[in-house]
N, C-alpha and C. Protein backbone atom coordinates (compact mmCIF):
# COMPACT_ATOMS: atom_id res chain seq x y z
N MET A 1 137.79 57.20 284.96
CA MET A 1 138.55 58.97 284.85
C MET A 1 137.77 59.61 285.77
N ILE A 2 138.72 60.50 286.22
CA ILE A 2 138.03 61.79 286.83
C ILE A 2 137.63 62.91 286.34
N TYR A 3 136.69 63.65 285.99
CA TYR A 3 136.44 64.79 285.20
C TYR A 3 135.75 65.75 286.18
N ILE A 4 136.61 67.06 285.66
CA ILE A 4 136.83 68.36 286.93
C ILE A 4 135.95 69.23 286.17
N SER A 5 134.95 69.49 287.14
CA SER A 5 133.71 70.48 286.31
C SER A 5 134.63 71.82 286.57
N TYR A 6 134.81 72.87 285.84
CA TYR A 6 134.96 74.41 286.01
C TYR A 6 133.84 74.90 285.80
N THR A 7 132.42 74.52 285.81
CA THR A 7 131.00 75.42 286.30
C THR A 7 131.04 75.99 287.29
N THR A 8 131.46 77.05 287.69
CA THR A 8 131.48 78.36 288.92
C THR A 8 130.29 79.40 288.66
N LYS A 9 129.95 80.10 289.53
CA LYS A 9 129.08 80.89 289.27
C LYS A 9 129.45 82.33 289.03
N PRO A 10 129.48 83.18 287.85
CA PRO A 10 130.12 84.41 287.48
C PRO A 10 130.01 84.64 288.89
N PRO A 11 131.39 85.75 288.65
CA PRO A 11 131.12 86.59 289.79
C PRO A 11 130.09 87.98 289.47
N GLY A 12 129.45 88.03 290.88
CA GLY A 12 128.81 89.00 291.05
C GLY A 12 128.70 90.60 290.74
N PHE A 13 127.90 91.49 290.82
CA PHE A 13 127.93 92.48 290.50
C PHE A 13 129.53 93.33 290.96
N LEU A 14 128.67 93.39 292.74
CA LEU A 14 129.70 93.94 293.76
C LEU A 14 131.13 93.40 293.25
N ARG A 15 131.47 92.12 293.05
CA ARG A 15 132.55 91.64 293.07
C ARG A 15 133.54 92.53 291.82
N ARG A 16 133.01 92.50 290.64
CA ARG A 16 133.51 93.07 289.83
C ARG A 16 133.70 94.54 289.36
N ILE A 17 132.88 95.32 290.90
CA ILE A 17 133.10 96.74 291.19
C ILE A 17 134.50 96.55 291.68
N LEU A 18 134.14 96.01 292.98
CA LEU A 18 135.78 95.71 293.68
C LEU A 18 136.89 95.54 293.43
N ALA A 19 136.61 94.79 292.13
CA ALA A 19 137.91 94.53 290.98
C ALA A 19 138.03 95.34 290.69
N LEU A 20 137.28 95.97 289.92
CA LEU A 20 138.01 97.34 288.92
C LEU A 20 138.30 98.46 289.97
N ILE A 21 137.48 98.53 291.21
CA ILE A 21 138.44 100.06 292.21
C ILE A 21 139.58 99.43 292.24
N THR A 22 140.18 97.72 293.23
CA THR A 22 141.19 97.67 293.59
C THR A 22 142.30 97.96 292.22
N THR A 23 141.46 97.59 291.02
CA THR A 23 142.54 97.26 290.07
C THR A 23 143.02 98.91 289.63
N LEU A 24 142.47 99.63 289.64
CA LEU A 24 142.72 101.26 289.77
C LEU A 24 143.16 101.91 291.17
N VAL A 25 143.06 101.48 292.02
CA VAL A 25 143.74 101.55 293.31
C VAL A 25 145.16 101.56 292.77
N LEU A 26 145.55 100.07 292.52
CA LEU A 26 147.06 99.92 292.86
C LEU A 26 147.56 100.50 291.36
N ILE A 27 147.10 100.61 290.18
CA ILE A 27 147.83 101.85 288.96
C ILE A 27 147.90 102.94 289.77
N VAL A 28 147.12 103.74 290.18
CA VAL A 28 147.23 105.22 290.62
C VAL A 28 148.35 104.85 291.85
N LEU A 29 148.49 103.87 292.69
CA LEU A 29 149.47 103.69 293.77
C LEU A 29 151.02 103.99 292.75
N GLY A 30 150.38 102.72 292.12
CA GLY A 30 152.14 103.12 291.07
C GLY A 30 152.34 103.48 290.27
N LEU A 31 151.57 104.13 289.87
CA LEU A 31 152.32 105.89 288.79
C LEU A 31 152.51 106.65 290.53
N VAL A 32 152.58 107.27 291.69
CA VAL A 32 152.46 107.61 292.35
C VAL A 32 153.64 107.57 292.86
N PHE A 33 153.93 105.98 293.16
CA PHE A 33 155.47 105.43 293.50
C PHE A 33 156.78 106.54 292.50
N SER A 34 155.83 105.62 290.98
CA SER A 34 157.29 105.75 290.09
C SER A 34 157.67 107.41 290.34
N ALA A 35 156.74 108.20 290.32
CA ALA A 35 156.72 110.04 290.48
C ALA A 35 157.61 109.96 291.01
N VAL A 36 157.48 109.82 292.40
CA VAL A 36 158.36 109.66 293.92
C VAL A 36 159.45 109.08 293.63
N PHE A 37 159.70 107.93 292.87
CA PHE A 37 160.91 107.83 292.64
C PHE A 37 161.84 108.65 291.50
N PHE A 38 161.19 109.30 290.74
CA PHE A 38 161.59 109.59 289.68
C PHE A 38 162.40 110.49 290.59
N VAL A 39 161.25 111.51 291.18
CA VAL A 39 162.01 112.84 292.12
C VAL A 39 162.68 112.54 292.73
N ALA A 40 163.01 111.62 293.45
CA ALA A 40 164.03 111.35 294.52
C ALA A 40 165.37 111.08 293.76
N ILE A 41 165.08 110.33 292.30
CA ILE A 41 166.59 110.31 292.03
C ILE A 41 166.88 111.70 291.12
N LEU A 42 165.94 112.28 290.37
CA LEU A 42 166.43 113.58 290.27
C LEU A 42 167.26 114.64 291.10
N ALA A 43 166.81 114.12 292.50
CA ALA A 43 167.36 115.30 293.61
C ALA A 43 168.52 114.65 294.59
N ILE A 44 168.82 113.37 294.00
CA ILE A 44 170.23 113.02 294.42
C ILE A 44 171.63 113.58 293.48
N VAL A 45 170.45 113.17 292.49
CA VAL A 45 171.65 113.56 290.73
C VAL A 45 171.79 115.21 290.96
N ALA A 46 171.00 115.90 291.39
CA ALA A 46 170.84 117.42 291.06
C ALA A 46 171.99 117.31 292.34
N VAL A 47 171.82 116.93 293.72
CA VAL A 47 173.30 117.29 295.05
C VAL A 47 173.74 116.88 294.73
N PHE A 48 174.41 115.54 293.90
CA PHE A 48 175.83 114.97 293.46
C PHE A 48 176.24 116.03 292.37
N TRP A 49 175.72 116.48 291.24
CA TRP A 49 175.92 117.00 290.69
C TRP A 49 176.52 119.06 291.18
N THR A 50 176.11 119.75 292.07
CA THR A 50 176.03 120.22 292.70
C THR A 50 177.57 120.47 293.64
N TYR A 51 177.39 119.34 294.14
CA TYR A 51 178.81 118.71 295.00
C TYR A 51 180.14 118.84 294.40
N LEU A 52 180.06 118.12 292.86
CA LEU A 52 181.32 118.33 292.30
C LEU A 52 181.32 119.63 292.01
N TRP A 53 180.42 120.46 291.02
CA TRP A 53 180.22 121.70 290.50
C TRP A 53 181.13 122.78 291.70
N TRP A 54 180.83 122.25 292.78
CA TRP A 54 181.19 123.63 293.99
C TRP A 54 182.98 122.88 294.24
N ASN A 55 182.67 121.96 294.50
CA ASN A 55 184.58 121.62 294.65
C ASN A 55 185.51 121.49 293.40
N THR A 56 184.48 121.65 292.35
CA THR A 56 185.93 122.15 291.23
C THR A 56 186.08 123.50 290.99
N ARG A 57 185.40 124.11 291.40
CA ARG A 57 185.14 125.53 291.27
C ARG A 57 187.02 126.14 291.29
N LYS A 58 187.47 125.81 292.36
CA LYS A 58 189.21 126.65 292.04
C LYS A 58 189.95 125.88 291.41
N LEU A 59 189.56 124.82 290.37
CA LEU A 59 190.19 124.07 289.75
C LEU A 59 190.03 124.87 288.33
N ARG A 60 188.72 125.18 288.20
CA ARG A 60 188.18 125.63 286.47
C ARG A 60 188.94 127.22 286.24
N LYS A 61 189.18 127.50 287.79
CA LYS A 61 189.86 128.86 287.46
C LYS A 61 190.97 128.91 287.08
N ARG A 62 191.95 127.78 287.90
CA ARG A 62 193.10 127.85 288.02
C ARG A 62 193.58 127.00 285.91
N VAL A 63 192.07 126.33 285.74
CA VAL A 63 192.75 126.35 284.38
C VAL A 63 192.00 127.19 283.24
N VAL A 64 191.46 128.27 283.67
CA VAL A 64 191.26 129.03 282.99
C VAL A 64 192.37 130.23 283.18
N SER A 65 193.27 130.72 284.61
CA SER A 65 193.97 131.34 284.38
C SER A 65 195.44 130.81 283.43
N TYR A 66 195.62 129.76 283.73
CA TYR A 66 196.40 129.19 283.05
C TYR A 66 196.50 128.98 281.42
N ILE A 67 194.83 129.13 281.40
CA ILE A 67 195.28 129.27 279.44
C ILE A 67 195.42 130.84 279.03
N ASP A 68 194.47 131.95 280.17
CA ASP A 68 194.83 132.95 280.36
C ASP A 68 196.72 133.26 279.64
N LEU A 69 197.55 132.57 280.49
CA LEU A 69 199.13 133.17 280.84
C LEU A 69 199.29 132.55 279.57
N SER A 70 198.89 131.21 278.97
CA SER A 70 199.49 130.93 278.18
C SER A 70 199.49 131.52 276.77
N ILE A 71 198.51 132.44 276.53
CA ILE A 71 197.89 132.88 275.33
C ILE A 71 199.16 134.57 275.52
N TYR A 72 198.75 134.47 276.58
CA TYR A 72 199.53 135.86 277.26
C TYR A 72 201.65 135.57 276.50
N TYR A 73 201.50 134.76 276.80
CA TYR A 73 203.35 134.10 276.57
C TYR A 73 203.38 133.67 275.05
N GLU A 74 202.51 132.83 274.58
CA GLU A 74 202.48 132.69 273.07
C GLU A 74 202.42 134.30 272.76
N ARG A 75 202.35 135.41 272.92
CA ARG A 75 201.78 136.41 272.19
C ARG A 75 202.98 137.23 272.11
N LYS A 76 204.16 136.89 273.73
CA LYS A 76 204.98 137.64 273.88
C LYS A 76 206.25 136.61 273.54
N PHE A 77 206.38 135.44 273.12
CA PHE A 77 207.33 134.42 272.46
C PHE A 77 207.07 135.28 270.91
N LEU A 78 205.75 135.50 270.04
CA LEU A 78 205.76 135.73 269.00
C LEU A 78 206.39 136.78 268.58
N GLU A 79 206.07 138.19 270.07
CA GLU A 79 206.92 139.59 269.17
C GLU A 79 207.99 139.21 269.53
N PHE A 80 208.86 138.62 270.23
CA PHE A 80 210.27 138.13 270.58
C PHE A 80 210.63 137.81 269.31
N GLU A 81 210.13 136.63 269.01
CA GLU A 81 210.32 136.24 267.65
C GLU A 81 210.24 137.04 266.33
N ARG A 82 209.67 138.08 266.37
CA ARG A 82 209.21 139.03 265.32
C ARG A 82 210.57 139.92 265.32
N LEU A 83 210.41 140.32 266.38
CA LEU A 83 212.21 141.32 267.01
C LEU A 83 212.52 140.93 266.76
N CYS A 84 213.69 139.16 267.01
CA CYS A 84 214.62 139.15 266.61
C CYS A 84 214.71 139.25 264.95
N GLU A 85 214.05 138.53 264.09
CA GLU A 85 213.58 138.33 263.04
C GLU A 85 214.17 139.74 262.07
N VAL A 86 213.75 141.31 263.15
CA VAL A 86 213.72 142.26 262.57
C VAL A 86 215.44 142.73 262.76
N TYR A 87 215.45 142.18 264.26
CA TYR A 87 216.94 142.56 264.52
C TYR A 87 218.05 142.11 264.12
N LEU A 88 217.64 140.57 263.22
CA LEU A 88 219.01 139.92 262.29
C LEU A 88 218.64 140.28 261.18
N ALA A 89 217.13 141.11 259.99
CA ALA A 89 217.25 141.36 259.15
C ALA A 89 218.24 143.00 259.19
N VAL A 90 218.75 143.53 260.23
CA VAL A 90 219.33 144.99 260.24
C VAL A 90 220.45 144.94 260.42
N LEU A 91 221.07 143.64 261.35
CA LEU A 91 222.44 143.61 260.88
C LEU A 91 223.05 142.59 260.04
N LEU A 92 222.37 141.85 259.26
CA LEU A 92 222.78 141.39 258.00
C LEU A 92 222.30 142.26 256.76
N ARG A 93 222.18 143.45 257.02
CA ARG A 93 221.96 144.27 255.65
C ARG A 93 223.24 144.65 255.04
């Protein structure tokens, strides 16, 4: 049988310091990259949202004008209906 010995020298002080510094640098780079990525995604969404908002402004104005017109015509129809009722009440008296 072959026995494998895992007895190696423990890492030295300098190697531990370098490993710690490397780990910290990689963590900081990961955080910076994720922050830049997040800001880039926010910028893309803001540009897309502004594009949609700008291109639908005429449609929004038309919808508001149609709502205003429908309220106007509904009021006129109710007034006409009321006048018809009054007129019929006077005629049928």
